[in-house]
Protein backbone atom coordinates (compact mmCIF):
# COMPACT_ATOMS: atom_id res chain seq x y z
CA MET A 1 -63.18 -34.11 -26.07
CA LEU A 2 -64.18 -34.83 -22.48
CA ILE A 3 -61.41 -35.22 -19.89
CA GLY A 4 -62.05 -37.30 -16.78
CA ALA A 5 -62.20 -35.38 -13.49
CA THR A 6 -61.69 -36.62 -9.96
CA THR A 7 -64.24 -35.81 -7.28
CA ILE A 8 -62.67 -35.07 -3.90
CA GLY A 9 -65.84 -35.13 -1.87
CA GLY A 10 -65.72 -38.56 -0.17
CA ALA A 11 -63.18 -40.12 2.14
CA GLN A 12 -60.09 -41.67 0.56
CA SER A 13 -57.45 -43.99 1.96
CA ILE A 14 -53.75 -44.88 1.89
CA THR A 15 -52.05 -47.97 3.31
CA PHE A 16 -48.45 -47.61 4.52
CA ARG A 17 -45.82 -49.96 5.88
CA GLY A 18 -42.18 -48.97 6.40
CA CYS A 19 -39.27 -48.45 8.82
CA PRO A 20 -39.92 -51.55 10.94
CA TYR A 21 -37.37 -50.44 13.55
CA LEU A 22 -39.65 -47.55 14.50
CA PHE A 23 -43.05 -48.70 13.27
CA GLU A 24 -42.81 -52.52 13.48
CA GLN A 25 -44.15 -54.80 10.73
CA GLU A 26 -47.58 -53.21 10.71
CA ASP A 27 -49.88 -51.73 8.06
CA TYR A 28 -51.13 -48.25 8.90
CA PHE A 29 -54.29 -46.87 7.31
CA PHE A 30 -54.72 -43.19 6.46
CA THR A 31 -58.02 -41.58 5.53
CA SER A 32 -58.86 -38.13 4.23
CA ASP A 33 -61.98 -36.06 3.77
CA THR A 34 -60.43 -32.58 4.04
CA GLN A 35 -58.25 -30.42 1.82
CA ASP A 36 -55.77 -27.65 2.50
CA GLY A 37 -55.74 -24.22 0.86
CA THR A 38 -53.83 -25.51 -2.19
CA GLY A 39 -56.45 -28.17 -2.98
CA ARG A 40 -54.35 -31.04 -1.66
CA ASN A 41 -55.81 -33.74 0.56
CA ILE A 42 -54.73 -34.16 4.18
CA TYR A 43 -54.38 -37.78 5.30
CA ILE A 44 -54.37 -39.02 8.89
CA THR A 45 -54.40 -42.40 10.60
CA THR A 46 -57.63 -43.01 12.47
CA PRO A 47 -58.46 -43.06 15.21
CA VAL A 48 -55.81 -40.83 16.79
CA THR A 49 -55.95 -41.85 20.42
CA GLY A 50 -52.38 -41.86 21.68
CA ASP A 51 -52.45 -45.57 22.51
CA GLN A 52 -51.33 -47.18 19.23
CA ASP A 53 -48.00 -48.37 20.62
CA CYS A 54 -45.14 -49.44 18.39
CA GLY A 55 -41.39 -49.80 18.13
CA GLY A 56 -38.82 -47.16 18.94
CA LEU A 57 -41.15 -44.21 18.35
CA GLY A 58 -43.62 -45.12 21.07
CA THR A 59 -46.84 -44.10 19.35
CA CYS A 60 -47.67 -44.82 15.70
CA GLU A 61 -50.21 -42.22 14.62
CA PHE A 62 -49.43 -40.29 11.47
CA ARG A 63 -50.40 -37.48 9.13
CA MET A 64 -49.46 -36.82 5.49
CA GLU A 65 -49.89 -33.27 4.24
CA TRP A 66 -48.41 -30.64 1.95
CA SER A 67 -46.30 -27.98 3.68
CA PRO A 68 -46.61 -24.65 1.81
CA ALA A 69 -43.82 -23.19 3.96
CA ASN A 70 -41.37 -25.92 2.86
CA SER A 71 -42.90 -26.70 -0.59
CA ARG A 72 -43.01 -30.43 0.09
CA TRP A 73 -45.18 -33.31 1.23
CA GLU A 74 -44.45 -34.33 4.81
CA PHE A 75 -44.96 -37.63 6.64
CA LEU A 76 -45.48 -36.69 10.28
CA ALA A 77 -45.65 -38.90 13.36
CA ASP A 78 -47.25 -38.18 16.70
CA ALA A 79 -44.71 -37.36 19.42
CA GLY A 80 -46.43 -39.71 21.87
CA ASP A 81 -49.50 -37.98 23.27
CA GLY A 82 -51.97 -38.75 20.47
CA ASP A 83 -52.88 -35.19 19.48
CA LEU A 84 -50.39 -34.55 16.61
CA VAL A 85 -49.91 -30.99 17.90
CA ASP A 86 -46.10 -31.13 17.74
CA PRO A 87 -45.51 -34.05 15.36
CA LEU A 88 -42.15 -35.44 14.31
CA LEU A 89 -41.08 -35.14 10.66
CA ILE A 90 -40.16 -38.66 9.52
CA TYR A 91 -40.07 -38.36 5.71
CA TYR A 92 -40.52 -35.61 3.10
CA ASN A 93 -41.04 -35.51 -0.67
CA THR A 94 -40.69 -32.38 -2.83
CA SER A 95 -42.76 -33.67 -5.78
CA ALA A 96 -45.60 -31.17 -5.99
CA SER A 97 -48.28 -33.73 -6.87
CA MET A 98 -51.91 -32.91 -6.28
CA PRO A 99 -54.44 -33.54 -4.94
CA ASN A 100 -52.89 -36.68 -3.41
CA PRO A 101 -49.39 -37.32 -2.08
CA PRO A 102 -46.76 -39.02 -4.23
CA GLY A 103 -46.29 -42.75 -3.99
CA LEU A 104 -42.96 -44.58 -3.83
CA THR A 105 -42.18 -44.07 -7.54
CA LEU A 106 -42.75 -40.30 -7.79
CA GLY A 107 -39.92 -38.20 -6.45
CA SER A 108 -38.28 -39.44 -3.25
CA TRP A 109 -39.61 -39.85 0.27
CA VAL A 110 -36.41 -38.85 2.09
CA GLU A 111 -35.75 -39.99 5.64
CA ASN A 112 -35.33 -37.15 8.14
CA VAL A 113 -32.30 -38.56 9.93
CA ALA A 114 -32.31 -35.69 12.43
CA VAL A 115 -35.36 -37.40 13.98
CA THR A 116 -34.93 -41.05 13.00
CA GLU A 117 -31.14 -41.21 13.53
CA GLY A 118 -30.91 -43.09 10.24
CA VAL A 119 -32.68 -46.28 11.33
CA CYS A 120 -35.23 -46.26 8.46
CA ASN A 121 -32.86 -47.35 5.65
CA GLY A 122 -32.88 -43.98 3.91
CA ILE A 123 -35.25 -43.17 1.04
CA LEU A 124 -38.51 -45.13 0.91
CA THR A 125 -38.54 -47.57 -2.02
CA THR A 126 -40.68 -50.44 -3.22
CA THR A 127 -38.22 -52.84 -1.60
CA ASN A 128 -38.31 -51.39 1.93
CA ALA A 129 -41.87 -50.04 2.13
CA ILE A 130 -45.38 -50.13 0.71
CA MET A 131 -47.62 -47.14 0.05
CA THR A 132 -50.81 -47.93 -1.83
CA GLY A 133 -54.24 -46.38 -2.37
CA ASP A 134 -54.78 -42.71 -3.13
CA VAL A 135 -51.19 -41.89 -4.05
CA GLN A 136 -49.80 -40.67 -7.36
CA SER A 137 -47.09 -42.10 -9.59
CA THR A 138 -47.04 -39.16 -12.03
CA LEU A 139 -47.61 -35.47 -11.44
CA LEU A 140 -50.84 -35.45 -13.41
CA GLN A 141 -52.21 -38.86 -12.50
CA ASN A 142 -55.86 -39.04 -11.50
CA PRO A 143 -56.86 -41.62 -8.86
CA GLU A 144 -59.00 -44.55 -9.91
CA HIS A 145 -62.37 -43.19 -8.77
CA VAL A 146 -63.15 -40.90 -11.70
CA ALA A 147 -66.30 -38.88 -12.19
CA LEU A 148 -66.97 -37.38 -15.60
CA ARG A 149 -68.49 -34.22 -14.15
CA PHE A 150 -66.81 -31.49 -16.18
CA GLY A 151 -65.55 -31.13 -19.71
CA VAL A 152 -62.82 -28.82 -21.02
CA PHE A 153 -63.35 -27.64 -24.61
CA PRO A 154 -61.44 -27.51 -26.88
CA ASN A 155 -58.66 -29.75 -25.64
CA PRO A 156 -55.88 -29.28 -26.72
CA ALA A 157 -56.35 -25.52 -27.04
CA HIS A 158 -54.30 -22.49 -28.00
CA ASP A 159 -56.09 -19.35 -26.79
CA ILE A 160 -59.50 -20.02 -25.22
CA ILE A 161 -61.06 -22.89 -23.28
CA SER A 162 -64.45 -23.39 -21.66
CA VAL A 163 -65.51 -25.56 -18.72
CA HIS A 164 -68.86 -27.31 -19.13
CA PRO A 165 -71.43 -27.37 -17.70
CA ALA A 166 -70.78 -23.65 -17.24
CA ASP A 167 -73.46 -23.16 -14.57
CA ALA A 168 -72.13 -25.99 -12.34
CA TRP A 169 -68.82 -24.49 -11.16
CA ARG A 170 -67.94 -21.68 -8.76
CA THR A 171 -64.18 -21.15 -9.28
CA VAL A 172 -61.43 -22.62 -11.43
CA SER A 173 -57.71 -22.67 -10.59
CA ILE A 174 -55.05 -23.64 -13.12
CA TYR A 175 -51.76 -25.27 -12.03
CA ASN A 176 -48.65 -26.20 -13.98
CA GLU A 177 -46.95 -29.61 -13.79
CA LEU A 178 -45.02 -28.53 -10.68
CA GLY A 179 -48.22 -27.75 -8.80
CA GLN A 180 -47.74 -23.96 -9.02
CA GLU A 181 -50.94 -21.95 -9.38
CA MET A 182 -50.90 -20.02 -12.65
CA ARG A 183 -54.40 -18.53 -12.73
CA GLN A 184 -57.61 -18.36 -10.73
CA ILE A 185 -60.81 -17.68 -12.62
CA ALA A 186 -63.89 -16.11 -11.09
CA PRO A 187 -67.35 -17.58 -11.72
CA ASN A 188 -69.56 -16.76 -14.69
CA ARG A 189 -66.72 -16.73 -17.16
CA PRO A 190 -67.97 -18.63 -20.20
CA GLN A 191 -64.49 -18.46 -21.75
CA ILE A 192 -61.07 -18.72 -20.09
CA ASP A 193 -58.09 -17.02 -21.74
CA ILE A 194 -55.01 -19.27 -21.72
CA SER A 195 -53.10 -17.42 -24.45
CA LYS A 196 -50.35 -16.27 -22.05
CA LEU A 197 -49.65 -19.74 -20.67
CA ALA A 198 -46.61 -21.59 -21.93
CA VAL A 199 -47.13 -24.66 -24.09
CA GLY A 200 -47.61 -27.73 -21.93
CA VAL A 201 -49.94 -29.81 -19.76
CA TYR A 202 -51.92 -28.13 -16.98
CA MET A 203 -54.07 -29.31 -14.11
CA MET A 204 -57.36 -27.60 -13.45
CA GLN A 205 -59.03 -27.62 -10.04
CA ILE A 206 -62.75 -26.94 -10.27
CA GLU A 207 -64.87 -25.99 -7.29
CA ALA A 208 -68.41 -27.09 -8.05
CA MET A 209 -71.51 -25.19 -6.96
CA ASP A 210 -72.28 -27.93 -4.44
CA GLY A 211 -68.96 -27.32 -2.66
CA THR A 212 -67.14 -30.43 -3.89
CA THR A 213 -63.89 -30.20 -5.83
CA ALA A 214 -62.89 -31.93 -9.06
CA VAL A 215 -59.53 -32.09 -10.80
CA THR A 216 -58.98 -32.48 -14.53
CA LYS A 217 -56.33 -31.49 -17.04
CA PHE A 218 -55.88 -29.83 -20.42
CA VAL A 219 -53.13 -29.28 -22.96
CA LYS A 220 -52.01 -25.84 -24.13
CA ILE A 221 -50.59 -25.89 -27.67
């Protein structure tokens, strides 16, 4: 059984609109072509120039990224100088989705009232905001652009799995449904022992020999 995998090599995009008091009635476009150390994508509005004026915040240039220190996705806004060196935390979401941030229906994007003073109507919802593109609605959702590059056999499995083609990957990391890394497998392992994993669904991040990254999933029974 071949499971679809997502290639993370090319640029991806997210469209956001929300909190009109601070950001006005504008659509903001995020793109990403980099990942952090956990395999999650980092999204940023482009270009970041410091002159995209708007509303009560002054400058509307943003970044969405996973914060390992706080175990959450963070929606950050430039403080006004266009370099995002000391950004302001506007929203945060503790759903550990990967590789892309959660959308409006996965977990909760909570307003950071310490910065916004409560002018953003609280939690982002489908009635007060839009967030479309490379976002996730379930923890194990794959984005639409799917590349069938790797297969996991057998799937479901009890003790042993293999990733094919075996000579096309460099490392494999296994994550549970909360995004916690359970195992990292070195190259040249024709078989991967999953006997000590609990029964459930797991996400597998595969670093290919060409340097790109793919994400797929398997079921432990």
